[in-house]
Amino acid sequence: MAQSVTTIQVDKSVLSELKKAKEYPEQSYNTLLQRMIALYKRAKERNQYDDFLHQIQQSKMKELWDNKEDEAWENA
């Protein structure tokens, strides 16, 4: 099965950065972009997980820190 190929336009500055990002000189831009996409997806998933944990922890921290016992010690 033949692959479908397209051409995209990028600024010369983007092309320059892509060249610098290659892991080895013969690496194709297609391979480089596939790797970048995979890394981006993993980072995005991790950030969503971190945000989820942060939301869960917020309510528990509020419960731990906003209590009458601590307020009594502050005014002692």
N, C-alpha and C. Protein backbone atom coordinates (compact mmCIF):
# COMPACT_ATOMS: atom_id res chain seq x y z
N MET A 1 0.85 -1.18 0.00
CA MET A 1 0.00 0.00 0.00
C MET A 1 0.89 1.24 0.00
N ALA A 2 0.66 2.14 -0.92
CA ALA A 2 1.46 3.36 -1.03
C ALA A 2 1.01 4.37 0.02
N GLN A 3 1.99 5.06 0.61
CA GLN A 3 1.67 6.09 1.59
C GLN A 3 1.24 7.36 0.88
N SER A 4 0.33 8.04 1.50
CA SER A 4 -0.10 9.34 0.99
C SER A 4 0.84 10.40 1.56
N VAL A 5 1.38 11.23 0.71
CA VAL A 5 2.34 12.25 1.13
C VAL A 5 1.81 13.62 0.76
N THR A 6 2.11 14.60 1.62
CA THR A 6 1.69 15.98 1.37
C THR A 6 2.85 16.92 1.65
N THR A 7 2.69 18.13 1.27
CA THR A 7 3.69 19.16 1.52
C THR A 7 3.07 20.19 2.46
N ILE A 8 3.85 20.58 3.47
CA ILE A 8 3.38 21.63 4.37
C ILE A 8 4.35 22.81 4.29
N GLN A 9 3.83 23.99 4.55
CA GLN A 9 4.68 25.16 4.55
C GLN A 9 4.97 25.57 5.99
N VAL A 10 6.24 25.83 6.27
CA VAL A 10 6.65 26.31 7.58
C VAL A 10 7.59 27.50 7.39
N ASP A 11 7.62 28.36 8.38
CA ASP A 11 8.56 29.48 8.34
C ASP A 11 9.99 28.94 8.32
N LYS A 12 10.89 29.71 7.77
CA LYS A 12 12.29 29.29 7.73
C LYS A 12 12.85 29.11 9.13
N SER A 13 12.38 29.91 10.07
CA SER A 13 12.85 29.77 11.45
C SER A 13 12.42 28.43 12.05
N VAL A 14 11.21 27.97 11.69
CA VAL A 14 10.73 26.67 12.16
C VAL A 14 11.57 25.56 11.54
N LEU A 15 11.85 25.67 10.26
CA LEU A 15 12.68 24.68 9.58
C LEU A 15 14.07 24.62 10.21
N SER A 16 14.62 25.76 10.56
CA SER A 16 15.92 25.81 11.21
C SER A 16 15.89 25.08 12.55
N GLU A 17 14.83 25.28 13.31
CA GLU A 17 14.69 24.61 14.60
C GLU A 17 14.51 23.10 14.42
N LEU A 18 13.77 22.71 13.39
CA LEU A 18 13.60 21.28 13.11
C LEU A 18 14.95 20.64 12.78
N LYS A 19 15.75 21.33 12.00
CA LYS A 19 17.08 20.81 11.66
C LYS A 19 17.92 20.61 12.92
N LYS A 20 17.85 21.56 13.84
CA LYS A 20 18.60 21.45 15.10
C LYS A 20 18.08 20.32 15.98
N ALA A 21 16.80 20.01 15.85
CA ALA A 21 16.17 19.01 16.72
C ALA A 21 16.42 17.57 16.26
N LYS A 22 16.93 17.39 15.06
CA LYS A 22 17.19 16.04 14.56
C LYS A 22 18.13 15.30 15.50
N GLU A 23 17.85 14.00 15.70
CA GLU A 23 18.69 13.18 16.55
C GLU A 23 19.94 12.71 15.81
N TYR A 24 19.86 12.64 14.50
CA TYR A 24 20.99 12.27 13.66
C TYR A 24 20.75 12.91 12.30
N PRO A 25 21.80 13.22 11.56
CA PRO A 25 21.68 14.00 10.32
C PRO A 25 20.73 13.39 9.27
N GLU A 26 20.68 12.07 9.18
CA GLU A 26 19.86 11.43 8.14
C GLU A 26 18.39 11.28 8.55
N GLN A 27 18.06 11.68 9.78
CA GLN A 27 16.68 11.52 10.25
C GLN A 27 15.74 12.36 9.38
N SER A 28 14.66 11.73 8.94
CA SER A 28 13.69 12.47 8.11
C SER A 28 12.84 13.38 9.00
N TYR A 29 12.33 14.44 8.39
CA TYR A 29 11.45 15.33 9.14
C TYR A 29 10.18 14.58 9.55
N ASN A 30 9.73 13.66 8.74
CA ASN A 30 8.55 12.86 9.06
C ASN A 30 8.77 12.09 10.36
N THR A 31 9.92 11.42 10.47
CA THR A 31 10.25 10.66 11.67
C THR A 31 10.39 11.59 12.87
N LEU A 32 11.06 12.70 12.67
CA LEU A 32 11.24 13.68 13.74
C LEU A 32 9.89 14.19 14.24
N LEU A 33 9.01 14.54 13.32
CA LEU A 33 7.69 15.05 13.71
C LEU A 33 6.85 13.98 14.40
N GLN A 34 6.94 12.73 13.95
CA GLN A 34 6.22 11.65 14.62
C GLN A 34 6.68 11.51 16.06
N ARG A 35 8.01 11.59 16.28
CA ARG A 35 8.55 11.50 17.63
C ARG A 35 8.09 12.69 18.48
N MET A 36 8.12 13.88 17.90
CA MET A 36 7.68 15.07 18.63
C MET A 36 6.20 14.96 19.02
N ILE A 37 5.39 14.45 18.12
CA ILE A 37 3.95 14.28 18.40
C ILE A 37 3.75 13.30 19.53
N ALA A 38 4.48 12.18 19.50
CA ALA A 38 4.36 11.18 20.56
C ALA A 38 4.76 11.77 21.92
N LEU A 39 5.86 12.52 21.94
CA LEU A 39 6.30 13.16 23.18
C LEU A 39 5.28 14.18 23.67
N TYR A 40 4.71 14.94 22.76
CA TYR A 40 3.70 15.94 23.13
C TYR A 40 2.48 15.26 23.74
N LYS A 41 2.03 14.16 23.12
CA LYS A 41 0.86 13.45 23.64
C LYS A 41 1.11 12.92 25.04
N ARG A 42 2.30 12.35 25.27
CA ARG A 42 2.64 11.83 26.61
C ARG A 42 2.69 12.96 27.63
N ALA A 43 3.26 14.09 27.25
CA ALA A 43 3.34 15.23 28.16
C ALA A 43 1.94 15.74 28.49
N LYS A 44 1.09 15.78 27.49
CA LYS A 44 -0.28 16.26 27.69
C LYS A 44 -1.05 15.32 28.63
N GLU A 45 -0.89 14.02 28.43
CA GLU A 45 -1.55 13.04 29.30
C GLU A 45 -1.04 13.18 30.73
N ARG A 46 0.26 13.35 30.88
CA ARG A 46 0.84 13.49 32.21
C ARG A 46 0.32 14.75 32.89
N ASN A 47 0.23 15.85 32.14
CA ASN A 47 -0.28 17.10 32.71
C ASN A 47 -1.72 16.95 33.15
N GLN A 48 -2.52 16.21 32.38
CA GLN A 48 -3.91 15.99 32.77
C GLN A 48 -3.97 15.19 34.07
N TYR A 49 -3.09 14.18 34.19
CA TYR A 49 -3.04 13.37 35.40
C TYR A 49 -2.60 14.23 36.58
N ASP A 50 -1.56 15.06 36.38
CA ASP A 50 -1.09 15.94 37.44
C ASP A 50 -2.18 16.92 37.87
N ASP A 51 -2.91 17.48 36.91
CA ASP A 51 -4.02 18.39 37.23
C ASP A 51 -5.09 17.68 38.04
N PHE A 52 -5.39 16.43 37.65
CA PHE A 52 -6.39 15.63 38.36
C PHE A 52 -5.95 15.42 39.82
N LEU A 53 -4.68 15.03 40.02
CA LEU A 53 -4.18 14.83 41.38
C LEU A 53 -4.21 16.13 42.18
N HIS A 54 -3.86 17.21 41.53
CA HIS A 54 -3.85 18.51 42.21
C HIS A 54 -5.26 18.88 42.68
N GLN A 55 -6.25 18.64 41.86
CA GLN A 55 -7.64 18.95 42.23
C GLN A 55 -8.08 18.11 43.43
N ILE A 56 -7.70 16.83 43.42
CA ILE A 56 -8.06 15.96 44.54
C ILE A 56 -7.37 16.43 45.82
N GLN A 57 -6.10 16.81 45.69
CA GLN A 57 -5.33 17.21 46.87
C GLN A 57 -5.81 18.54 47.44
N GLN A 58 -6.34 19.42 46.60
CA GLN A 58 -6.79 20.72 47.08
C GLN A 58 -7.83 20.60 48.18
N SER A 59 -8.83 19.75 47.97
CA SER A 59 -9.89 19.63 48.98
C SER A 59 -9.34 19.05 50.27
N LYS A 60 -8.44 18.07 50.17
CA LYS A 60 -7.86 17.46 51.37
C LYS A 60 -6.98 18.47 52.11
N MET A 61 -6.20 19.26 51.39
CA MET A 61 -5.35 20.26 52.03
C MET A 61 -6.21 21.32 52.71
N LYS A 62 -7.30 21.70 52.08
CA LYS A 62 -8.20 22.68 52.69
C LYS A 62 -8.75 22.11 54.00
N GLU A 63 -9.12 20.84 53.96
CA GLU A 63 -9.65 20.17 55.15
C GLU A 63 -8.59 20.14 56.26
N LEU A 64 -7.34 19.87 55.89
CA LEU A 64 -6.28 19.78 56.89
C LEU A 64 -5.88 21.13 57.46
N TRP A 65 -5.87 22.15 56.62
CA TRP A 65 -5.37 23.45 57.05
C TRP A 65 -6.45 24.36 57.61
N ASP A 66 -7.66 24.24 57.13
CA ASP A 66 -8.75 25.10 57.62
C ASP A 66 -9.53 24.37 58.70
N ASN A 67 -9.00 24.40 59.91
CA ASN A 67 -9.72 23.74 61.00
C ASN A 67 -9.62 24.59 62.27
N LYS A 68 -10.51 24.36 63.18
CA LYS A 68 -10.61 25.17 64.40
C LYS A 68 -9.39 24.99 65.30
N GLU A 69 -8.82 23.78 65.34
CA GLU A 69 -7.67 23.53 66.21
C GLU A 69 -6.49 24.43 65.83
N ASP A 70 -6.21 24.55 64.53
CA ASP A 70 -5.12 25.41 64.09
C ASP A 70 -5.40 26.88 64.38
N GLU A 71 -6.65 27.28 64.20
CA GLU A 71 -7.01 28.66 64.46
C GLU A 71 -6.86 28.98 65.94
N ALA A 72 -7.16 28.02 66.82
CA ALA A 72 -7.01 28.23 68.27
C ALA A 72 -5.55 28.46 68.61
N TRP A 73 -4.65 27.73 68.02
CA TRP A 73 -3.21 27.89 68.29
C TRP A 73 -2.70 29.23 67.77
N GLU A 74 -3.25 29.71 66.66
CA GLU A 74 -2.82 31.00 66.13
C GLU A 74 -3.14 32.13 67.08
N ASN A 75 -4.23 31.99 67.84
CA ASN A 75 -4.68 33.05 68.75
C ASN A 75 -4.23 32.83 70.19
N ALA A 76 -3.40 31.81 70.42
CA ALA A 76 -2.97 31.51 71.79
C ALA A 76 -1.95 32.51 72.29
